[in-house]
Structure formats: C-alpha cells, structure tokens
N, C-alpha and C. Protein backbone atom coordinates (compact mmCIF):
# COMPACT_ATOMS: atom_id res chain seq x y z
N MET A 1 126.89 -286.53 86.87
CA MET A 1 128.22 -285.83 87.02
C MET A 1 128.45 -285.10 88.31
N GLU A 2 126.96 -284.32 88.35
CA GLU A 2 127.24 -283.53 89.63
C GLU A 2 126.77 -284.21 90.51
N SER A 3 127.13 -283.88 91.62
CA SER A 3 127.34 -284.53 92.66
C SER A 3 126.25 -283.36 93.79
N VAL A 4 125.65 -283.73 94.54
CA VAL A 4 124.27 -282.96 95.09
C VAL A 4 125.22 -282.72 96.41
N GLU A 5 126.37 -282.97 96.77
CA GLU A 5 126.67 -283.23 98.11
C GLU A 5 127.85 -281.67 98.15
N ASN A 6 128.48 -281.48 97.14
CA ASN A 6 128.84 -280.03 96.56
C ASN A 6 128.28 -279.08 96.41
N LYS A 7 126.56 -279.05 96.21
CA LYS A 7 125.63 -277.91 96.03
C LYS A 7 125.51 -277.04 97.39
N ILE A 8 125.62 -275.94 97.31
CA ILE A 8 125.39 -274.91 98.22
C ILE A 8 124.50 -273.56 97.90
N TYR A 9 123.75 -272.92 98.65
CA TYR A 9 123.11 -271.82 97.98
C TYR A 9 124.20 -270.56 98.20
N CYS A 10 124.40 -269.76 97.40
CA CYS A 10 125.15 -268.97 97.17
C CYS A 10 124.41 -267.85 97.65
N ASN A 11 124.85 -266.93 98.92
CA ASN A 11 124.08 -265.76 99.05
C ASN A 11 124.27 -264.57 97.93
N ASP A 12 125.59 -264.71 97.33
CA ASP A 12 126.42 -263.58 96.49
C ASP A 12 125.19 -263.75 95.32
N SER A 13 124.79 -264.81 94.41
CA SER A 13 124.30 -264.89 93.84
C SER A 13 122.47 -265.12 93.78
N GLY A 14 122.29 -265.57 94.94
CA GLY A 14 120.90 -266.19 95.18
C GLY A 14 120.64 -267.29 94.45
N GLU A 15 121.62 -268.30 94.11
CA GLU A 15 121.01 -269.67 93.78
C GLU A 15 121.95 -270.46 94.54
N ASP A 16 121.34 -271.82 93.91
CA ASP A 16 122.39 -273.15 94.61
C ASP A 16 123.41 -273.23 93.65
N LYS A 17 124.65 -273.51 94.01
CA LYS A 17 125.59 -273.42 93.14
C LYS A 17 126.55 -274.21 93.38
N MET A 18 127.31 -275.19 92.46
CA MET A 18 128.44 -276.15 93.11
C MET A 18 129.67 -275.58 93.73
N LEU A 19 130.09 -275.79 94.65
CA LEU A 19 131.06 -275.26 95.40
C LEU A 19 132.72 -276.24 95.71
N PHE A 20 133.18 -275.43 94.91
CA PHE A 20 135.20 -276.39 94.94
C PHE A 20 136.02 -275.64 96.39
N GLU A 21 136.77 -276.20 96.87
CA GLU A 21 137.64 -276.27 97.78
C GLU A 21 138.51 -275.25 96.70
N THR A 22 139.28 -275.69 95.75
CA THR A 22 140.58 -275.18 95.32
C THR A 22 140.15 -275.07 93.64
N ARG A 23 140.66 -274.11 93.27
CA ARG A 23 140.50 -273.72 91.98
C ARG A 23 140.91 -275.18 90.93
N GLY A 24 142.27 -276.14 91.33
CA GLY A 24 142.20 -277.37 90.48
C GLY A 24 141.01 -277.86 90.84
N GLY A 25 140.16 -278.24 91.59
CA GLY A 25 139.06 -278.81 91.69
C GLY A 25 138.06 -278.65 90.77
N ALA A 26 137.90 -277.34 90.77
CA ALA A 26 136.83 -276.82 89.93
C ALA A 26 137.29 -277.06 88.26
N LYS A 27 138.43 -276.74 88.26
CA LYS A 27 139.12 -276.79 86.59
C LYS A 27 139.12 -278.29 86.40
N ARG A 28 139.15 -279.60 87.19
CA ARG A 28 138.76 -280.92 86.99
C ARG A 28 137.87 -281.19 86.84
N PHE A 29 136.47 -280.61 87.58
CA PHE A 29 135.42 -280.78 86.99
C PHE A 29 134.81 -280.37 85.92
N ILE A 30 135.45 -279.02 85.06
CA ILE A 30 135.32 -278.57 83.95
C ILE A 30 135.66 -279.45 82.94
N GLU A 31 137.24 -280.38 83.09
CA GLU A 31 137.45 -281.12 81.94
C GLU A 31 136.50 -282.60 81.96
N LYS A 32 136.42 -283.06 83.27
CA LYS A 32 135.51 -284.10 82.70
C LYS A 32 134.25 -284.02 82.81
N SER A 33 133.28 -282.59 82.59
CA SER A 33 132.59 -282.39 81.83
C SER A 33 132.34 -282.08 80.54
N THR A 34 133.18 -281.84 79.70
CA THR A 34 133.19 -281.29 78.29
C THR A 34 132.35 -282.31 77.88
N GLY A 35 132.52 -283.74 77.90
CA GLY A 35 131.21 -284.29 77.13
C GLY A 35 129.76 -283.68 77.28
N LEU A 36 129.37 -283.34 78.32
CA LEU A 36 128.08 -282.98 78.61
C LEU A 36 127.41 -282.09 77.61
N ARG A 37 128.49 -281.11 77.06
CA ARG A 37 127.78 -280.17 76.10
C ARG A 37 126.92 -280.64 75.37
N TYR A 38 127.16 -281.82 74.72
CA TYR A 38 126.44 -282.45 73.84
C TYR A 38 124.98 -283.03 74.27
N TYR A 39 125.27 -283.19 75.48
CA TYR A 39 123.52 -283.90 76.08
C TYR A 39 123.22 -283.11 76.88
N SER A 40 123.56 -281.66 77.42
CA SER A 40 122.89 -281.25 78.57
C SER A 40 122.84 -279.69 77.95
N ASP A 41 121.67 -278.53 78.42
CA ASP A 41 122.14 -277.21 78.39
C ASP A 41 123.37 -276.70 79.24
N TYR A 42 123.53 -277.44 80.25
CA TYR A 42 124.25 -277.22 81.31
C TYR A 42 125.85 -277.67 81.00
N SER A 43 127.05 -276.97 80.76
CA SER A 43 128.17 -277.65 80.69
C SER A 43 129.22 -276.77 80.90
N PRO A 44 129.58 -276.66 82.33
CA PRO A 44 130.82 -275.83 82.85
C PRO A 44 131.67 -275.08 82.10
N MET A 45 132.24 -274.42 81.72
CA MET A 45 133.59 -273.88 80.68
C MET A 45 134.36 -273.02 81.62
N VAL A 46 133.72 -272.15 82.54
CA VAL A 46 135.06 -271.87 83.54
C VAL A 46 134.61 -271.58 84.90
N SER A 47 135.88 -271.46 85.36
CA SER A 47 135.56 -271.22 87.11
C SER A 47 136.08 -269.94 87.82
N TYR A 48 135.54 -269.36 88.63
CA TYR A 48 135.71 -268.18 89.50
C TYR A 48 135.51 -268.48 90.82
N PHE A 49 136.22 -267.43 91.73
CA PHE A 49 136.34 -267.36 93.07
C PHE A 49 135.10 -266.66 93.78
N CYS A 50 134.40 -266.96 94.69
CA CYS A 50 133.25 -266.54 95.36
C CYS A 50 133.91 -266.20 96.43
N LYS A 51 133.67 -264.76 97.00
CA LYS A 51 133.97 -264.40 98.24
C LYS A 51 132.81 -264.26 99.24
N SER A 52 131.59 -264.87 98.65
CA SER A 52 130.79 -264.85 99.92
C SER A 52 130.58 -266.67 100.38
N CYS A 53 131.00 -267.32 99.35
CA CYS A 53 131.09 -268.75 99.76
C CYS A 53 132.52 -268.95 100.00
N ASN A 54 133.47 -268.37 99.79
CA ASN A 54 134.71 -268.55 99.85
C ASN A 54 135.36 -269.81 99.31
N GLY A 55 135.32 -270.07 98.11
CA GLY A 55 135.40 -271.25 97.42
C GLY A 55 135.12 -270.94 96.07
N TRP A 56 135.26 -272.09 95.41
CA TRP A 56 134.95 -271.63 93.39
C TRP A 56 133.99 -272.16 93.13
N HIS A 57 133.69 -271.67 92.39
CA HIS A 57 132.14 -271.80 91.55
C HIS A 57 132.36 -272.28 89.88
N VAL A 58 131.59 -272.83 89.33
CA VAL A 58 132.10 -272.96 87.68
C VAL A 58 130.63 -272.62 87.19
N LYS A 59 130.87 -271.83 85.73
CA LYS A 59 129.29 -271.46 84.91
C LYS A 59 129.27 -271.77 83.58
N ASN A 60 128.56 -271.65 82.96
CA ASN A 60 128.91 -272.33 81.69
C ASN A 60 128.88 -271.22 80.30
N LYS A 61 129.37 -270.17 81.10
CA LYS A 61 129.75 -269.00 80.19
C LYS A 61 130.93 -268.53 80.34
N GLU A 62 131.87 -268.09 79.47
CA GLU A 62 133.16 -267.56 79.26
C GLU A 62 132.99 -266.18 79.75
N LYS A 63 131.80 -265.22 79.46
CA LYS A 63 131.91 -263.70 79.81
C LYS A 63 131.60 -263.90 81.53
N PRO A 64 132.10 -262.35 81.79
CA PRO A 64 132.13 -262.42 83.53
C PRO A 64 130.84 -262.03 83.89
N GLN A 65 130.27 -262.22 84.99
CA GLN A 65 128.91 -262.70 85.39
C GLN A 65 128.71 -260.86 85.34
N THR A 66 127.18 -260.23 84.60
CA THR A 66 126.85 -258.93 84.53
C THR A 66 125.89 -258.52 85.27
N GLU A 67 125.15 -259.76 85.69
CA GLU A 67 124.02 -259.53 86.71
C GLU A 67 124.77 -259.27 87.87
N THR A 68 124.34 -258.39 88.69
CA THR A 68 124.63 -258.01 90.00
C THR A 68 123.96 -258.87 91.53
N SER A 69 124.62 -259.48 92.11
CA SER A 69 124.14 -260.11 93.18
C SER A 69 123.72 -259.38 94.13
N ILE A 70 122.76 -260.54 94.82
CA ILE A 70 121.86 -259.87 96.13
C ILE A 70 122.79 -258.97 96.83
N ILE A 71 123.75 -259.47 97.33
CA ILE A 71 124.26 -258.83 98.05
C ILE A 71 125.04 -257.52 97.55
N GLY A 72 125.71 -257.43 96.56
CA GLY A 72 126.03 -256.31 95.39
C GLY A 72 124.79 -255.59 95.40
N LYS A 73 123.93 -255.68 94.99
CA LYS A 73 122.65 -254.75 95.01
C LYS A 73 121.94 -254.44 96.27
N PHE A 74 122.70 -255.24 97.37
CA PHE A 74 122.26 -254.28 98.98
C PHE A 74 123.57 -253.30 98.97
N LEU A 75 124.87 -253.35 98.60
CA LEU A 75 125.59 -252.68 98.71
C LEU A 75 125.77 -251.32 98.02
N ASP A 76 125.27 -251.45 97.17
CA ASP A 76 125.03 -250.56 95.90
C ASP A 76 123.92 -249.58 96.45
N LEU A 77 122.64 -249.98 97.12
CA LEU A 77 121.87 -249.16 97.29
C LEU A 77 122.43 -248.80 98.95
N PHE A 78 123.22 -249.49 99.75
CA PHE A 78 123.10 -248.56 100.83
C PHE A 78 124.30 -247.85 100.57
N SER A 79 125.35 -247.85 99.80
CA SER A 79 125.99 -246.98 99.19
C SER A 79 125.84 -245.80 98.55
N GLY A 80 124.25 -245.65 97.79
CA GLY A 80 123.91 -244.85 97.23
C GLY A 80 122.88 -244.03 98.59
N ILE A 81 122.49 -244.43 99.13
CA ILE A 81 121.70 -243.78 100.19
C ILE A 81 122.83 -242.85 101.37
N TRP A 82 124.22 -243.93 101.40
CA TRP A 82 124.99 -243.09 102.49
C TRP A 82 125.81 -241.52 101.71
N ARG A 83 125.81 -241.98 100.28
CA ARG A 83 126.45 -241.12 99.33
C ARG A 83 125.45 -239.83 99.12
N LYS A 84 124.29 -239.87 99.22
CA LYS A 84 123.29 -239.13 98.89
C LYS A 84 123.09 -238.45 100.80
N ARG A 85 123.38 -238.96 101.51
CA ARG A 85 123.27 -238.47 103.03
C ARG A 85 124.51 -237.49 103.04
N LEU A 86 125.75 -238.14 102.72
CA LEU A 86 127.00 -237.05 102.61
C LEU A 86 126.98 -236.13 101.74
N ILE A 87 126.19 -236.21 100.56
CA ILE A 87 125.87 -235.24 99.92
C ILE A 87 125.42 -233.84 100.54
N GLU A 88 124.33 -234.52 100.67
CA GLU A 88 123.45 -233.28 101.68
C GLU A 88 123.69 -232.71 102.62
N LYS A 89 124.72 -233.37 103.45
CA LYS A 89 125.68 -233.02 104.64
C LYS A 89 126.23 -232.00 104.04
N GLU A 90 127.41 -232.67 103.23
CA GLU A 90 128.15 -231.72 102.78
C GLU A 90 127.64 -230.02 102.20
N LYS A 91 126.26 -230.05 101.34
CA LYS A 91 125.74 -229.00 101.45
C LYS A 91 124.96 -228.00 102.42
N GLU A 92 124.77 -228.95 103.44
CA GLU A 92 124.11 -228.05 104.69
C GLU A 92 125.56 -227.34 104.95
N ILE A 93 126.37 -228.26 105.35
CA ILE A 93 128.12 -227.54 105.88
C ILE A 93 128.32 -226.49 105.08
N THR A 94 128.21 -226.42 103.96
CA THR A 94 128.73 -225.46 102.67
C THR A 94 127.67 -224.29 102.73
N LYS A 95 126.50 -224.37 103.05
CA LYS A 95 125.46 -223.62 103.38
C LYS A 95 125.82 -222.69 104.52
N LYS A 96 126.04 -223.23 105.89
CA LYS A 96 126.39 -222.65 106.84
C LYS A 96 127.09 -221.66 106.99
N GLN A 97 128.41 -222.56 106.08
CA GLN A 97 130.02 -221.30 105.99
C GLN A 97 129.93 -220.46 105.38
N ARG A 98 128.71 -221.00 104.26
CA ARG A 98 128.46 -219.19 103.74
C ARG A 98 127.81 -218.30 104.07
N GLU A 99 126.53 -218.50 104.66
CA GLU A 99 126.11 -217.85 105.83
C GLU A 99 126.85 -217.41 106.74
N LYS A 100 127.94 -217.83 107.50
CA LYS A 100 128.93 -217.09 108.48
C LYS A 100 129.55 -216.32 107.70
N ALA A 101 130.20 -216.80 106.67
CA ALA A 101 131.00 -215.99 106.03
C ALA A 101 130.07 -214.27 105.49
N HIS A 102 129.14 -214.53 105.43
CA HIS A 102 128.26 -213.32 104.53
C HIS A 102 128.12 -212.88 106.34
N GLU A 103 127.79 -212.98 106.98
CA GLU A 103 127.32 -212.64 108.51
C GLU A 103 128.88 -211.96 108.63
N LYS A 104 130.01 -212.30 108.64
CA LYS A 104 131.35 -211.55 108.86
C LYS A 104 131.54 -210.73 108.31
N ARG A 105 131.23 -211.01 106.82
CA ARG A 105 131.55 -209.51 105.66
C ARG A 105 130.81 -208.47 105.99
N ILE A 106 129.20 -208.70 106.51
CA ILE A 106 128.16 -207.33 106.82
C ILE A 106 128.82 -206.88 108.09
N SER A 107 129.02 -207.46 108.95
CA SER A 107 129.40 -207.10 110.53
C SER A 107 131.02 -206.32 110.23
N THR A 108 131.78 -207.05 109.29
CA THR A 108 133.14 -205.76 108.97
C THR A 108 132.79 -204.65 108.49
N ARG A 109 131.74 -204.50 107.48
CA ARG A 109 131.44 -203.56 106.81
C ARG A 109 130.83 -202.39 107.83
N LEU A 110 129.49 -203.01 108.77
CA LEU A 110 129.13 -202.20 109.55
C LEU A 110 129.95 -201.49 110.15
N ASP A 111 131.18 -202.33 111.18
CA ASP A 111 132.03 -201.95 112.16
C ASP A 111 132.76 -200.56 111.18
N THR A 112 133.36 -200.89 109.88
CA THR A 112 134.23 -199.82 109.14
C THR A 112 133.33 -198.73 108.82
N ALA A 113 131.87 -199.05 108.40
CA ALA A 113 131.29 -197.71 108.24
C ALA A 113 131.18 -196.98 109.84
N TYR A 114 130.89 -197.55 110.79
CA TYR A 114 130.60 -196.94 112.17
C TYR A 114 131.91 -196.42 112.26
N ASN A 115 133.12 -197.05 112.39
CA ASN A 115 134.36 -196.33 112.35
C ASN A 115 134.62 -194.80 112.08
N LYS A 116 133.92 -194.64 110.43
CA LYS A 116 134.09 -193.62 109.82
C LYS A 116 133.38 -192.73 110.03
N ILE A 117 132.48 -193.17 110.44
CA ILE A 117 131.46 -192.06 110.97
C ILE A 117 131.72 -191.61 112.04
N GLY A 118 132.34 -192.37 112.69
CA GLY A 118 132.63 -191.80 114.41
C GLY A 118 133.82 -191.07 113.89
N SER A 119 134.79 -191.26 113.48
CA SER A 119 135.87 -190.54 113.38
C SER A 119 135.49 -188.87 112.37
N GLN A 120 134.35 -189.14 111.47
CA GLN A 120 134.09 -187.73 110.62
C GLN A 120 133.16 -186.65 111.64
N ILE A 121 132.53 -187.43 112.63
CA ILE A 121 131.46 -186.49 113.34
C ILE A 121 133.00 -185.89 114.80
N SER A 122 133.70 -186.87 115.15
CA SER A 122 134.74 -186.00 115.99
C SER A 122 135.28 -185.09 115.14
N ARG A 123 135.92 -185.09 113.62
CA ARG A 123 136.26 -183.92 113.09
C ARG A 123 135.51 -183.01 112.82
N LEU A 124 133.91 -183.39 112.99
CA LEU A 124 132.91 -182.38 112.41
C LEU A 124 132.60 -181.48 113.62
N GLU A 125 133.01 -182.26 115.01
CA GLU A 125 132.91 -181.36 116.69
C GLU A 125 134.11 -180.34 116.57
N ILE A 126 135.46 -180.80 116.16
CA ILE A 126 136.46 -180.37 116.60
C ILE A 126 136.17 -178.90 115.48
N ILE A 127 135.88 -179.37 114.04
CA ILE A 127 135.50 -177.98 113.05
C ILE A 127 134.64 -177.28 113.65
N MET A 128 133.51 -177.38 114.09
CA MET A 128 132.54 -176.67 114.80
C MET A 128 132.91 -176.07 115.77
N ALA A 129 133.58 -176.28 116.94
CA ALA A 129 133.86 -175.73 117.95
C ALA A 129 135.08 -174.50 117.47
N LYS A 130 136.23 -175.05 116.68
CA LYS A 130 137.00 -173.67 116.06
C LYS A 130 136.32 -172.33 115.73
N VAL A 131 134.97 -173.03 114.80
CA VAL A 131 134.06 -171.78 114.34
C VAL A 131 133.28 -171.03 115.37
N ASN A 132 132.93 -171.73 116.10
CA ASN A 132 132.33 -170.84 117.43
C ASN A 132 133.44 -170.29 117.92
N LEU A 133 134.43 -170.39 117.89
CA LEU A 133 135.81 -170.07 118.70
C LEU A 133 135.61 -168.61 117.89
N TYR A 134 135.84 -169.03 116.66
CA TYR A 134 136.58 -167.70 115.82
C TYR A 134 134.98 -166.58 115.67
N SER A 135 133.75 -167.41 116.04
CA SER A 135 132.61 -166.40 115.97
C SER A 135 132.69 -165.61 117.13
N GLU A 136 133.43 -166.30 118.23
CA GLU A 136 133.03 -165.38 119.65
C GLU A 136 134.21 -164.28 119.23
N SER A 137 135.51 -164.93 118.87
CA SER A 137 136.39 -163.87 118.73
C SER A 137 136.46 -162.65 117.95
N LEU A 138 135.24 -163.17 116.95
CA LEU A 138 135.25 -162.09 115.77
C LEU A 138 134.29 -160.98 116.68
N PHE A 139 132.91 -161.55 117.42
CA PHE A 139 132.29 -160.84 117.99
C PHE A 139 132.58 -159.80 118.97
N THR A 140 133.74 -160.09 119.93
CA THR A 140 134.63 -159.75 120.83
C THR A 140 134.82 -158.63 119.87
N ILE A 141 135.73 -158.74 118.77
CA ILE A 141 136.74 -157.33 118.29
C ILE A 141 135.67 -156.71 117.69
N GLN A 142 134.20 -156.98 117.20
CA GLN A 142 133.50 -156.21 116.68
C GLN A 142 132.90 -155.23 117.82
N ASN A 143 132.54 -155.74 118.90
CA ASN A 143 131.96 -155.06 119.82
C ASN A 143 133.29 -154.47 120.58
N TYR A 144 134.33 -154.22 120.49
CA TYR A 144 135.20 -153.62 120.87
C TYR A 144 135.30 -152.39 120.01
N LEU A 145 135.46 -152.79 118.40
CA LEU A 145 135.22 -151.62 117.50
C LEU A 145 133.91 -150.82 117.54
N GLU A 146 132.99 -151.14 117.86
CA GLU A 146 131.93 -150.41 118.13
C GLU A 146 132.10 -149.21 119.51
N HIS A 147 132.82 -149.91 120.07
CA HIS A 147 132.75 -148.96 121.59
C HIS A 147 134.04 -147.91 120.68
N LEU A 148 135.53 -148.34 120.01
CA LEU A 148 135.88 -147.42 119.77
C LEU A 148 135.30 -146.05 119.00
N THR A 149 134.46 -146.40 117.86
CA THR A 149 133.57 -145.70 116.94
C THR A 149 132.82 -144.62 117.72
N GLU A 150 132.05 -145.46 118.95
CA GLU A 150 131.05 -144.62 119.74
C GLU A 150 132.00 -143.88 120.79
N ALA A 151 133.15 -144.06 120.78
CA ALA A 151 133.95 -143.41 121.53
C ALA A 151 134.68 -142.04 120.47
N GLY A 152 134.41 -141.95 119.34
CA GLY A 152 134.91 -140.85 118.47
C GLY A 152 136.23 -141.19 118.12
N ILE A 153 136.88 -142.43 117.96
CA ILE A 153 137.85 -142.63 117.28
C ILE A 153 137.59 -143.15 115.66
N SER A 154 138.15 -142.47 115.07
CA SER A 154 138.06 -142.93 113.47
C SER A 154 139.48 -142.68 112.61
N GLY A 155 139.01 -143.03 111.65
CA GLY A 155 140.11 -143.06 110.81
C GLY A 155 140.43 -144.17 109.60
N LYS A 156 141.29 -143.93 108.90
CA LYS A 156 141.77 -145.04 107.92
C LYS A 156 142.03 -146.58 108.16
N LYS A 157 142.35 -146.37 109.48
CA LYS A 157 143.40 -147.76 109.94
C LYS A 157 141.82 -148.44 110.50
N LEU A 158 140.91 -147.72 111.04
CA LEU A 158 139.54 -148.04 111.60
C LEU A 158 138.90 -148.91 110.69
N GLN A 159 138.82 -148.06 109.74
CA GLN A 159 137.78 -148.56 108.69
C GLN A 159 138.52 -149.65 107.95
N ASP A 160 140.06 -149.88 107.90
CA ASP A 160 140.15 -151.15 107.21
C ASP A 160 140.32 -152.24 107.92
N VAL A 161 140.18 -151.75 109.30
CA VAL A 161 140.05 -153.25 110.40
C VAL A 161 138.29 -153.42 110.27
N HIS A 162 137.58 -152.42 109.93
CA HIS A 162 135.99 -153.12 109.87
C HIS A 162 135.80 -153.82 108.29
N ILE A 163 136.53 -153.80 107.65
CA ILE A 163 136.47 -153.96 106.12
C ILE A 163 136.98 -155.78 106.38
N ILE A 164 138.21 -155.53 107.02
CA ILE A 164 138.85 -156.80 107.12
C ILE A 164 137.91 -157.91 108.20
N LEU A 165 137.41 -157.51 109.17
CA LEU A 165 136.55 -158.14 110.15
C LEU A 165 135.16 -158.43 109.46
N ASP A 166 134.86 -157.77 108.74
CA ASP A 166 133.63 -158.21 107.89
C ASP A 166 133.51 -159.34 106.91
N GLU A 167 134.94 -159.34 106.35
CA GLU A 167 135.28 -160.40 105.87
C GLU A 167 135.22 -161.51 106.18
N LEU A 168 136.03 -161.26 107.34
CA LEU A 168 136.27 -162.49 108.06
C LEU A 168 135.29 -163.10 108.90
N SER A 169 134.04 -162.44 108.74
CA SER A 169 132.57 -162.71 109.62
C SER A 169 132.42 -163.62 108.42
N GLU A 170 132.01 -163.23 107.01
CA GLU A 170 131.60 -163.99 105.94
C GLU A 170 131.64 -165.23 105.84
N ASP A 171 133.33 -165.09 106.01
CA ASP A 171 134.00 -166.17 105.89
C ASP A 171 133.47 -167.69 106.75
N ILE A 172 133.42 -167.07 107.73
CA ILE A 172 133.20 -167.60 109.26
C ILE A 172 131.71 -168.41 108.98
N ASN A 173 130.61 -167.58 108.86
CA ASN A 173 129.74 -167.92 108.30
C ASN A 173 129.55 -168.77 107.38
N LEU A 174 130.04 -168.83 106.32
CA LEU A 174 130.23 -169.90 105.38
C LEU A 174 130.53 -170.99 105.41
N ILE A 175 131.64 -171.15 106.39
CA ILE A 175 132.27 -172.50 106.74
C ILE A 175 131.42 -173.06 107.54
N GLY A 176 130.76 -172.41 108.57
CA GLY A 176 129.77 -173.37 109.34
C GLY A 176 128.56 -173.35 108.91
N GLN A 177 127.85 -172.92 107.78
CA GLN A 177 126.84 -173.24 106.90
C GLN A 177 127.49 -174.25 106.08
N ARG A 178 128.35 -174.54 105.52
CA ARG A 178 128.92 -175.70 104.81
C ARG A 178 129.12 -176.84 105.48
N LYS A 179 129.59 -177.05 106.91
CA LYS A 179 129.79 -178.08 107.59
C LYS A 179 128.30 -178.45 108.42
N ILE A 180 127.41 -177.59 108.46
CA ILE A 180 125.98 -177.99 109.01
C ILE A 180 125.36 -178.38 107.69
N VAL A 181 125.54 -178.39 106.49
CA VAL A 181 124.87 -178.85 105.16
C VAL A 181 125.05 -180.32 105.21
N LYS A 182 126.51 -180.43 105.15
CA LYS A 182 126.93 -181.58 105.05
C LYS A 182 126.69 -182.63 105.78
N THR A 183 126.93 -182.23 107.50
CA THR A 183 126.09 -182.76 108.40
C THR A 183 124.70 -183.51 108.04
N GLU A 184 123.60 -182.60 107.79
CA GLU A 184 122.52 -182.88 107.51
C GLU A 184 122.57 -184.21 106.08
N LYS A 185 123.14 -183.92 105.31
CA LYS A 185 123.72 -184.40 104.12
C LYS A 185 123.76 -186.21 104.62
N ASN A 186 124.90 -186.13 105.44
CA ASN A 186 125.27 -187.20 106.18
C ASN A 186 124.39 -188.41 107.05
N GLU A 187 123.69 -187.32 107.60
CA GLU A 187 122.34 -188.29 108.33
C GLU A 187 121.48 -188.42 107.51
N GLU A 188 120.88 -187.88 106.36
CA GLU A 188 120.10 -188.56 105.57
C GLU A 188 120.57 -189.42 104.58
N ALA A 189 121.67 -189.64 104.20
CA ALA A 189 122.33 -190.80 103.72
C ALA A 189 122.37 -191.81 104.72
N GLY A 190 122.89 -191.58 106.19
CA GLY A 190 123.01 -192.95 107.05
C GLY A 190 121.56 -193.48 107.55
C-alpha cells in the first residue's frame, strides 16, 4: 500500500515520511490502510500538516507529537542563547544606569554641600568683619575715655560709660570666640 514515490526525508522530524499534497489525499490513504492494522505495526490513523515539507504527513498515533523536531530543537537552542544574551545585556544596561544615577546623586549632594559651605563662609566673613569693626570702634572709644580720664575729667557719667564699654567689650569678645569655635568645628567636620 505504501508507495516509495511519495516518501521524502522530513527535515522537521529527521525521518523519512510519506508526503501528501492535500489533506484529502492523506485522509484517503488512512481510510484505505485501515485493514493494515491487523497485519502490520504501522497503521496510519491521523494526518497533520508539516511546515517544513509544505505538505501533509500521516502517523499511527492519535495524540500530537511530543518529540521536538531537529529544527524545533535548533530554534529552542538558538532562542535560549539569544534570550540569555538579551538578559545579560539588560543587566549590563541596568547596572550602568544604576551607576550613573548613583554618580548623579553623589554629585548633587556634593554641589549642595559646597553651596551651603560657601554661603556659611560668606555669612561668617560678614560677621567677623562686623566684630572687627565693633572691636575697633570700642578700642577707639576706650582710648578716648582714657584721654578724658588722664585729662582729669571724671564723674558719674564717665563711670557709667566705662561700665557700658566694659560690658560691650566682653560681649564682642564672646561673639568673636563663638564664631571662631564654630568655624574650627566646621573645618574638622568637613
């Protein structure tokens, strides 16, 4: 019943198979070969379309093929390799993106810290300039009062001015010392 003329090598399954141009031709072959079931191990029961051969084959099993064809195995292998390469590439890109984002965060933090330090230094310079100005003014006033005292001018008003100047001098010295201590602490922390 099998004719050698319609047997070809199927690249998809890796075996010699019968090939039919139409589904109807394959079904007619199955119907004619029903008697072979009693005399042979091979008795076709199902037809299916083969993309590799671009035609119809028959098989003696009713359940679908479970064995992967050679082309299927090759495609599975190729797709697995390709998928692995894509995953590795995505990991590499993701790692680079994380590194760039981390560098950007650090750069932003450094810029912010630098700007804060710069503004603090500017404020400190202004305060120190004022303290120096007050100190010079106080020194000038104290010199003036000493000249008045040497000249013999005295009295209650002169004593009150001395007390106020002494207190002001102490305040100015304390302010200057606090700013210097804060500056030293900031330099140690930085």
